[in-house]
Protein backbone atom coordinates (compact mmCIF):
# COMPACT_ATOMS: atom_id res chain seq x y z
CA MET A 1 -9.77 -9.28 -6.49
CA ILE A 2 -6.78 -7.37 -5.20
CA PRO A 3 -4.42 -8.35 -2.37
CA ILE A 4 -4.88 -6.25 0.75
CA GLU A 5 -1.15 -5.42 0.68
CA ASP A 6 -1.61 -3.79 -2.75
CA VAL A 7 -4.53 -1.71 -1.47
CA ARG A 8 -2.51 -0.69 1.58
CA GLY A 9 0.40 0.32 -0.66
CA MET A 10 -1.80 2.55 -2.82
CA LEU A 11 -3.23 4.25 0.25
CA GLU A 12 0.11 4.73 1.99
CA SER A 13 1.51 6.27 -1.20
CA ALA A 14 -1.39 8.72 -1.41
CA PHE A 15 -1.43 9.47 2.32
CA PRO A 16 2.22 9.25 3.43
CA GLY A 17 2.67 9.58 7.17
CA ASP A 18 -1.09 9.53 7.76
CA ARG A 19 -2.95 6.88 9.68
CA VAL A 20 -4.43 4.19 7.44
CA GLU A 21 -6.30 1.31 9.08
CA LEU A 22 -7.27 -1.32 6.51
CA SER A 23 -8.81 -4.71 7.11
CA SER A 24 -10.62 -7.42 5.21
CA PRO A 25 -13.30 -8.63 7.65
CA MET A 26 -14.46 -11.40 5.34
CA GLY A 27 -10.91 -12.60 4.77
CA ASP A 28 -11.11 -12.16 1.02
CA ASP A 29 -9.58 -9.69 -1.42
CA ASN A 30 -12.90 -8.09 -2.40
CA HIS A 31 -14.34 -6.55 0.77
CA PHE A 32 -12.48 -4.00 2.88
CA GLN A 33 -12.97 -1.75 5.88
CA LEU A 34 -10.91 1.42 5.90
CA VAL A 35 -10.26 4.32 8.24
CA VAL A 36 -8.05 7.18 7.04
CA ILE A 37 -6.99 10.03 9.33
CA SER A 38 -5.31 12.82 7.38
CA GLU A 39 -4.56 16.54 7.40
CA LYS A 40 -5.45 16.43 3.70
CA PHE A 41 -9.09 16.30 4.76
CA ASN A 42 -9.01 19.67 6.53
CA GLY A 43 -11.63 22.01 5.07
CA LYS A 44 -13.13 19.30 2.87
CA SER A 45 -16.62 17.83 3.00
CA MET A 46 -17.04 14.12 3.66
CA VAL A 47 -17.80 13.61 -0.03
CA GLU A 48 -14.56 15.39 -0.99
CA GLN A 49 -12.62 13.32 1.57
CA HIS A 50 -14.01 10.10 0.15
CA GLN A 51 -13.22 11.26 -3.39
CA LEU A 52 -9.57 11.67 -2.36
CA VAL A 53 -9.52 8.07 -1.14
CA TYR A 54 -11.30 6.77 -4.25
CA GLY A 55 -8.79 8.68 -6.38
CA ALA A 56 -5.93 7.00 -4.54
CA LEU A 57 -7.43 3.60 -5.29
CA GLY A 58 -7.99 4.46 -8.95
CA ASP A 59 -9.19 1.65 -11.19
CA ALA A 60 -9.18 -0.82 -8.30
CA MET A 61 -12.45 0.80 -7.16
CA LYS A 62 -13.99 0.07 -10.55
CA GLU A 63 -12.63 -3.41 -11.08
CA ALA A 64 -11.12 -5.23 -8.09
CA ILE A 65 -12.76 -3.89 -4.94
CA HIS A 66 -16.30 -5.15 -4.52
CA ALA A 67 -17.12 -3.32 -1.27
CA LEU A 68 -15.40 -0.63 0.79
CA ALA A 69 -16.67 0.52 4.19
CA LEU A 70 -14.92 3.88 4.45
CA LYS A 71 -14.53 6.35 7.30
CA THR A 72 -12.41 9.49 6.99
CA PHE A 73 -11.34 11.94 9.67
CA THR A 74 -9.15 14.96 10.12
CA PRO A 75 -6.82 14.52 13.11
CA GLU A 76 -9.04 16.90 15.10
CA GLN A 77 -12.19 14.95 14.23
CA TRP A 78 -10.44 11.73 15.23
CA GLN A 79 -9.46 13.20 18.61
CA GLN A 80 -13.06 14.30 19.19
CA ALA A 81 -14.39 10.87 18.22
CA ALA A 82 -11.88 9.13 20.48
CA GLY A 83 -12.76 11.40 23.39
CA SER A 84 -16.48 10.74 23.27
């Protein structure tokens, strides 16, 4: 288990100034939903985008986080998704 504030801190350090939406829909410290919107994702495949997020979470992905529902977007992709 890992407090949501710790997860948020890791993500905000790795993606400073980017949009990070993190929640724990089950109200525990094991299951999280995450949306990250970042310029860092430009030119990267979805797998590469997710690897950047997993890298930011480091060992927490191996030990403390049981489930992560992850969505990543470039700012342009986010605008397109919001407009549809």
